[in-house]
Amino acid sequence: MLLSIPIFYFLGLGIGLFLLGFWQLISALGNTPGFIHTGYKKQILLYWTFCIVDLSLIAVLFLFENDLSETLLMIIFWIAIGTALFITGYYLRIYYRLIDLLSLRNELDGLTKSKH
């Protein structure tokens, strides 16, 4: 987030949010195998479903910008932004659960190794 502050300040909010969202997708892509192997397959697949729906809404904005009324464009825009905020919160929630699970596993592995 600290790296995005200059982007927010100098280039505008939209570009900063785009870069943060892109970084979240990269993080999720890199962590998807970890989610699947630790039993969070449903949660990460739900995350990716939400992302596809939200990115589809954004694609509609760009593809049909000239064909839709300004009011409808604004409604789709705010739905996409609200959905993106929800997706971010959802990802953080499942990501912290994954971290807690992995930390617990590492702690338990350390305890069982020290007894041998």
N, C-alpha and C. Protein backbone atom coordinates (compact mmCIF):
# COMPACT_ATOMS: atom_id res chain seq x y z
N MET A 1 0.81 -1.19 0.00
CA MET A 1 0.00 0.00 0.00
C MET A 1 0.86 1.26 0.00
N LEU A 2 1.98 1.22 0.71
CA LEU A 2 2.85 2.39 0.75
C LEU A 2 3.39 2.74 -0.63
N LEU A 3 3.63 1.71 -1.44
CA LEU A 3 4.12 1.97 -2.78
C LEU A 3 3.05 2.59 -3.66
N SER A 4 1.79 2.39 -3.33
CA SER A 4 0.72 2.94 -4.17
C SER A 4 0.36 4.38 -3.83
N ILE A 5 0.85 4.91 -2.71
CA ILE A 5 0.51 6.28 -2.33
C ILE A 5 0.91 7.29 -3.40
N PRO A 6 2.12 7.22 -3.96
CA PRO A 6 2.43 8.18 -5.04
C PRO A 6 1.51 8.02 -6.24
N ILE A 7 1.11 6.80 -6.53
CA ILE A 7 0.21 6.58 -7.65
C ILE A 7 -1.15 7.21 -7.36
N PHE A 8 -1.65 7.01 -6.13
CA PHE A 8 -2.92 7.64 -5.74
C PHE A 8 -2.80 9.16 -5.85
N TYR A 9 -1.70 9.69 -5.40
CA TYR A 9 -1.56 11.14 -5.33
C TYR A 9 -1.35 11.77 -6.71
N PHE A 10 -0.46 11.19 -7.50
CA PHE A 10 -0.09 11.82 -8.76
C PHE A 10 -0.91 11.37 -9.96
N LEU A 11 -1.34 10.12 -9.97
CA LEU A 11 -2.01 9.61 -11.17
C LEU A 11 -3.51 9.42 -11.00
N GLY A 12 -4.02 9.59 -9.83
CA GLY A 12 -5.46 9.48 -9.65
C GLY A 12 -5.88 8.19 -8.97
N LEU A 13 -7.03 8.25 -8.40
CA LEU A 13 -7.56 7.14 -7.62
C LEU A 13 -7.80 5.90 -8.45
N GLY A 14 -8.33 6.06 -9.65
CA GLY A 14 -8.66 4.91 -10.49
C GLY A 14 -7.45 4.05 -10.82
N ILE A 15 -6.36 4.68 -11.19
CA ILE A 15 -5.15 3.93 -11.53
C ILE A 15 -4.59 3.22 -10.29
N GLY A 16 -4.61 3.92 -9.16
CA GLY A 16 -4.14 3.31 -7.92
C GLY A 16 -4.96 2.10 -7.53
N LEU A 17 -6.28 2.22 -7.64
CA LEU A 17 -7.15 1.09 -7.33
C LEU A 17 -6.93 -0.06 -8.31
N PHE A 18 -6.72 0.28 -9.58
CA PHE A 18 -6.46 -0.75 -10.57
C PHE A 18 -5.19 -1.52 -10.21
N LEU A 19 -4.12 -0.81 -9.85
CA LEU A 19 -2.86 -1.48 -9.52
C LEU A 19 -3.00 -2.33 -8.25
N LEU A 20 -3.71 -1.81 -7.24
CA LEU A 20 -3.93 -2.60 -6.03
C LEU A 20 -4.76 -3.85 -6.33
N GLY A 21 -5.78 -3.69 -7.16
CA GLY A 21 -6.60 -4.84 -7.54
C GLY A 21 -5.78 -5.86 -8.32
N PHE A 22 -4.94 -5.37 -9.22
CA PHE A 22 -4.08 -6.26 -10.00
C PHE A 22 -3.12 -7.01 -9.08
N TRP A 23 -2.57 -6.31 -8.08
CA TRP A 23 -1.66 -6.94 -7.13
C TRP A 23 -2.40 -8.01 -6.31
N GLN A 24 -3.66 -7.75 -5.96
CA GLN A 24 -4.45 -8.73 -5.22
C GLN A 24 -4.68 -9.98 -6.08
N LEU A 25 -4.94 -9.79 -7.37
CA LEU A 25 -5.13 -10.95 -8.25
C LEU A 25 -3.85 -11.77 -8.36
N ILE A 26 -2.72 -11.11 -8.44
CA ILE A 26 -1.44 -11.83 -8.48
C ILE A 26 -1.25 -12.62 -7.19
N SER A 27 -1.53 -12.00 -6.06
CA SER A 27 -1.42 -12.68 -4.77
C SER A 27 -2.34 -13.89 -4.72
N ALA A 28 -3.58 -13.71 -5.14
CA ALA A 28 -4.53 -14.82 -5.11
C ALA A 28 -4.11 -15.94 -6.04
N LEU A 29 -3.60 -15.57 -7.20
CA LEU A 29 -3.13 -16.58 -8.15
C LEU A 29 -1.98 -17.39 -7.55
N GLY A 30 -1.06 -16.71 -6.91
CA GLY A 30 0.07 -17.40 -6.27
C GLY A 30 -0.34 -18.24 -5.07
N ASN A 31 -1.39 -17.83 -4.38
CA ASN A 31 -1.82 -18.55 -3.18
C ASN A 31 -2.90 -19.58 -3.44
N THR A 32 -3.46 -19.63 -4.64
CA THR A 32 -4.54 -20.58 -4.93
C THR A 32 -4.14 -22.03 -4.64
N PRO A 33 -2.95 -22.49 -5.05
CA PRO A 33 -2.59 -23.87 -4.71
C PRO A 33 -2.56 -24.11 -3.19
N GLY A 34 -2.10 -23.13 -2.44
CA GLY A 34 -2.08 -23.25 -0.98
C GLY A 34 -3.48 -23.36 -0.41
N PHE A 35 -4.41 -22.57 -0.95
CA PHE A 35 -5.80 -22.66 -0.51
C PHE A 35 -6.38 -24.04 -0.81
N ILE A 36 -6.11 -24.54 -2.00
CA ILE A 36 -6.66 -25.83 -2.42
C ILE A 36 -6.10 -26.96 -1.57
N HIS A 37 -4.79 -26.94 -1.30
CA HIS A 37 -4.16 -28.03 -0.55
C HIS A 37 -4.47 -28.01 0.94
N THR A 38 -4.97 -26.90 1.45
CA THR A 38 -5.27 -26.82 2.88
C THR A 38 -6.77 -26.92 3.18
N GLY A 39 -7.57 -27.23 2.16
CA GLY A 39 -8.99 -27.43 2.41
C GLY A 39 -9.85 -26.20 2.20
N TYR A 40 -9.30 -25.15 1.61
CA TYR A 40 -10.07 -23.94 1.34
C TYR A 40 -10.43 -23.84 -0.15
N LYS A 41 -10.64 -24.98 -0.78
CA LYS A 41 -10.93 -25.00 -2.21
C LYS A 41 -12.24 -24.26 -2.53
N LYS A 42 -13.29 -24.53 -1.76
CA LYS A 42 -14.57 -23.86 -2.01
C LYS A 42 -14.43 -22.34 -1.90
N GLN A 43 -13.71 -21.89 -0.86
CA GLN A 43 -13.57 -20.46 -0.62
C GLN A 43 -12.80 -19.77 -1.75
N ILE A 44 -11.71 -20.38 -2.22
CA ILE A 44 -10.92 -19.73 -3.27
C ILE A 44 -11.65 -19.80 -4.61
N LEU A 45 -12.39 -20.86 -4.86
CA LEU A 45 -13.18 -20.92 -6.09
C LEU A 45 -14.30 -19.89 -6.07
N LEU A 46 -14.88 -19.65 -4.91
CA LEU A 46 -15.89 -18.61 -4.77
C LEU A 46 -15.26 -17.24 -5.01
N TYR A 47 -14.06 -17.04 -4.50
CA TYR A 47 -13.33 -15.79 -4.74
C TYR A 47 -13.14 -15.57 -6.23
N TRP A 48 -12.65 -16.60 -6.95
CA TRP A 48 -12.41 -16.45 -8.38
C TRP A 48 -13.71 -16.23 -9.15
N THR A 49 -14.80 -16.84 -8.69
CA THR A 49 -16.11 -16.59 -9.32
C THR A 49 -16.51 -15.13 -9.16
N PHE A 50 -16.36 -14.61 -7.94
CA PHE A 50 -16.65 -13.19 -7.70
C PHE A 50 -15.80 -12.30 -8.60
N CYS A 51 -14.52 -12.63 -8.72
CA CYS A 51 -13.61 -11.82 -9.55
C CYS A 51 -14.04 -11.83 -11.02
N ILE A 52 -14.42 -12.99 -11.52
CA ILE A 52 -14.84 -13.08 -12.92
C ILE A 52 -16.09 -12.26 -13.16
N VAL A 53 -17.04 -12.33 -12.23
CA VAL A 53 -18.27 -11.55 -12.37
C VAL A 53 -17.94 -10.05 -12.34
N ASP A 54 -17.10 -9.64 -11.41
CA ASP A 54 -16.76 -8.22 -11.29
C ASP A 54 -15.98 -7.73 -12.51
N LEU A 55 -15.04 -8.52 -12.97
CA LEU A 55 -14.29 -8.13 -14.17
C LEU A 55 -15.19 -8.10 -15.39
N SER A 56 -16.22 -8.94 -15.42
CA SER A 56 -17.19 -8.91 -16.51
C SER A 56 -17.99 -7.61 -16.49
N LEU A 57 -18.36 -7.16 -15.29
CA LEU A 57 -19.06 -5.88 -15.18
C LEU A 57 -18.19 -4.73 -15.70
N ILE A 58 -16.92 -4.77 -15.35
CA ILE A 58 -16.00 -3.73 -15.81
C ILE A 58 -15.82 -3.81 -17.33
N ALA A 59 -15.78 -5.02 -17.87
CA ALA A 59 -15.66 -5.19 -19.32
C ALA A 59 -16.89 -4.62 -20.02
N VAL A 60 -18.07 -4.82 -19.43
CA VAL A 60 -19.30 -4.25 -20.01
C VAL A 60 -19.19 -2.73 -20.09
N LEU A 61 -18.62 -2.13 -19.04
CA LEU A 61 -18.44 -0.68 -19.05
C LEU A 61 -17.62 -0.22 -20.25
N PHE A 62 -16.53 -0.91 -20.50
CA PHE A 62 -15.65 -0.49 -21.59
C PHE A 62 -16.19 -0.87 -22.97
N LEU A 63 -16.79 -2.05 -23.08
CA LEU A 63 -17.26 -2.51 -24.37
C LEU A 63 -18.50 -1.78 -24.86
N PHE A 64 -19.37 -1.41 -23.93
CA PHE A 64 -20.64 -0.80 -24.31
C PHE A 64 -20.76 0.64 -23.83
N GLU A 65 -19.63 1.29 -23.66
CA GLU A 65 -19.61 2.66 -23.15
C GLU A 65 -20.44 3.61 -24.01
N ASN A 66 -20.38 3.45 -25.30
CA ASN A 66 -21.10 4.34 -26.21
C ASN A 66 -22.55 3.93 -26.42
N ASP A 67 -22.88 2.68 -26.09
CA ASP A 67 -24.22 2.17 -26.35
C ASP A 67 -25.17 2.31 -25.16
N LEU A 68 -24.64 2.46 -23.97
CA LEU A 68 -25.48 2.52 -22.76
C LEU A 68 -25.64 3.96 -22.30
N SER A 69 -26.75 4.21 -21.62
CA SER A 69 -26.97 5.56 -21.09
C SER A 69 -25.98 5.84 -19.96
N GLU A 70 -25.76 7.11 -19.72
CA GLU A 70 -24.82 7.50 -18.67
C GLU A 70 -25.28 7.01 -17.30
N THR A 71 -26.58 7.03 -17.07
CA THR A 71 -27.12 6.56 -15.79
C THR A 71 -26.83 5.08 -15.60
N LEU A 72 -27.07 4.28 -16.63
CA LEU A 72 -26.81 2.84 -16.53
C LEU A 72 -25.32 2.57 -16.35
N LEU A 73 -24.49 3.33 -17.03
CA LEU A 73 -23.04 3.17 -16.86
C LEU A 73 -22.62 3.45 -15.42
N MET A 74 -23.18 4.50 -14.84
CA MET A 74 -22.85 4.83 -13.44
C MET A 74 -23.34 3.76 -12.48
N ILE A 75 -24.52 3.20 -12.74
CA ILE A 75 -25.04 2.13 -11.88
C ILE A 75 -24.12 0.92 -11.95
N ILE A 76 -23.73 0.52 -13.17
CA ILE A 76 -22.82 -0.62 -13.33
C ILE A 76 -21.48 -0.33 -12.68
N PHE A 77 -20.99 0.90 -12.85
CA PHE A 77 -19.71 1.29 -12.25
C PHE A 77 -19.75 1.14 -10.72
N TRP A 78 -20.77 1.66 -10.07
CA TRP A 78 -20.84 1.61 -8.61
C TRP A 78 -21.10 0.20 -8.11
N ILE A 79 -21.82 -0.60 -8.87
CA ILE A 79 -21.98 -2.01 -8.50
C ILE A 79 -20.63 -2.71 -8.57
N ALA A 80 -19.86 -2.43 -9.63
CA ALA A 80 -18.53 -3.05 -9.78
C ALA A 80 -17.60 -2.63 -8.65
N ILE A 81 -17.63 -1.34 -8.28
CA ILE A 81 -16.77 -0.85 -7.19
C ILE A 81 -17.18 -1.49 -5.87
N GLY A 82 -18.48 -1.52 -5.59
CA GLY A 82 -18.97 -2.15 -4.35
C GLY A 82 -18.63 -3.62 -4.28
N THR A 83 -18.77 -4.29 -5.41
CA THR A 83 -18.42 -5.71 -5.46
C THR A 83 -16.92 -5.91 -5.24
N ALA A 84 -16.12 -5.02 -5.81
CA ALA A 84 -14.67 -5.12 -5.63
C ALA A 84 -14.28 -4.95 -4.16
N LEU A 85 -14.94 -4.04 -3.47
CA LEU A 85 -14.67 -3.86 -2.04
C LEU A 85 -15.05 -5.11 -1.26
N PHE A 86 -16.19 -5.69 -1.59
CA PHE A 86 -16.62 -6.94 -0.95
C PHE A 86 -15.60 -8.06 -1.22
N ILE A 87 -15.17 -8.18 -2.47
CA ILE A 87 -14.21 -9.22 -2.85
C ILE A 87 -12.91 -9.05 -2.08
N THR A 88 -12.45 -7.82 -1.94
CA THR A 88 -11.22 -7.56 -1.18
C THR A 88 -11.37 -8.00 0.27
N GLY A 89 -12.48 -7.64 0.89
CA GLY A 89 -12.73 -8.07 2.27
C GLY A 89 -12.81 -9.58 2.39
N TYR A 90 -13.47 -10.20 1.43
CA TYR A 90 -13.59 -11.67 1.43
C TYR A 90 -12.22 -12.32 1.30
N TYR A 91 -11.40 -11.81 0.37
CA TYR A 91 -10.08 -12.39 0.17
C TYR A 91 -9.21 -12.23 1.43
N LEU A 92 -9.26 -11.06 2.04
CA LEU A 92 -8.49 -10.86 3.27
C LEU A 92 -8.92 -11.84 4.35
N ARG A 93 -10.22 -12.05 4.46
CA ARG A 93 -10.74 -12.97 5.48
C ARG A 93 -10.23 -14.39 5.25
N ILE A 94 -10.34 -14.90 4.00
CA ILE A 94 -9.88 -16.27 3.77
C ILE A 94 -8.36 -16.36 3.79
N TYR A 95 -7.68 -15.29 3.40
CA TYR A 95 -6.22 -15.28 3.42
C TYR A 95 -5.71 -15.37 4.86
N TYR A 96 -6.31 -14.60 5.77
CA TYR A 96 -5.90 -14.66 7.18
C TYR A 96 -6.22 -16.01 7.80
N ARG A 97 -7.32 -16.61 7.39
CA ARG A 97 -7.63 -17.97 7.86
C ARG A 97 -6.57 -18.96 7.39
N LEU A 98 -6.14 -18.81 6.14
CA LEU A 98 -5.09 -19.68 5.60
C LEU A 98 -3.80 -19.49 6.38
N ILE A 99 -3.42 -18.26 6.64
CA ILE A 99 -2.20 -17.98 7.40
C ILE A 99 -2.28 -18.59 8.80
N ASP A 100 -3.43 -18.42 9.46
CA ASP A 100 -3.61 -19.00 10.79
C ASP A 100 -3.50 -20.52 10.75
N LEU A 101 -4.10 -21.14 9.75
CA LEU A 101 -4.03 -22.59 9.62
C LEU A 101 -2.60 -23.05 9.39
N LEU A 102 -1.88 -22.37 8.49
CA LEU A 102 -0.50 -22.75 8.22
C LEU A 102 0.40 -22.53 9.43
N SER A 103 0.15 -21.45 10.17
CA SER A 103 0.92 -21.20 11.39
C SER A 103 0.67 -22.29 12.42
N LEU A 104 -0.58 -22.68 12.57
CA LEU A 104 -0.93 -23.75 13.51
C LEU A 104 -0.28 -25.05 13.09
N ARG A 105 -0.31 -25.36 11.80
CA ARG A 105 0.32 -26.59 11.31
C ARG A 105 1.82 -26.57 11.58
N ASN A 106 2.46 -25.44 11.32
CA ASN A 106 3.91 -25.34 11.56
C ASN A 106 4.22 -25.51 13.04
N GLU A 107 3.38 -24.92 13.89
CA GLU A 107 3.58 -25.04 15.33
C GLU A 107 3.41 -26.48 15.77
N LEU A 108 2.37 -27.14 15.27
CA LEU A 108 2.15 -28.54 15.63
C LEU A 108 3.25 -29.44 15.09
N ASP A 109 3.72 -29.15 13.88
CA ASP A 109 4.85 -29.92 13.32
C ASP A 109 6.09 -29.75 14.19
N GLY A 110 6.34 -28.54 14.66
CA GLY A 110 7.48 -28.30 15.54
C GLY A 110 7.36 -29.04 16.84
N LEU A 111 6.16 -29.12 17.40
CA LEU A 111 5.94 -29.85 18.64
C LEU A 111 6.14 -31.34 18.44
N THR A 112 5.63 -31.90 17.36
CA THR A 112 5.77 -33.33 17.14
C THR A 112 7.22 -33.71 16.80
N LYS A 113 7.94 -32.85 16.13
CA LYS A 113 9.35 -33.12 15.81
C LYS A 113 10.22 -33.06 17.05
N SER A 114 9.89 -32.16 17.98
CA SER A 114 10.71 -32.02 19.16
C SER A 114 10.54 -33.19 20.13
N LYS A 115 9.48 -33.96 20.00
CA LYS A 115 9.25 -35.09 20.89
C LYS A 115 9.94 -36.34 20.41
N HIS A 116 10.44 -36.35 19.17
CA HIS A 116 11.10 -37.55 18.64
C HIS A 116 12.52 -37.55 18.94
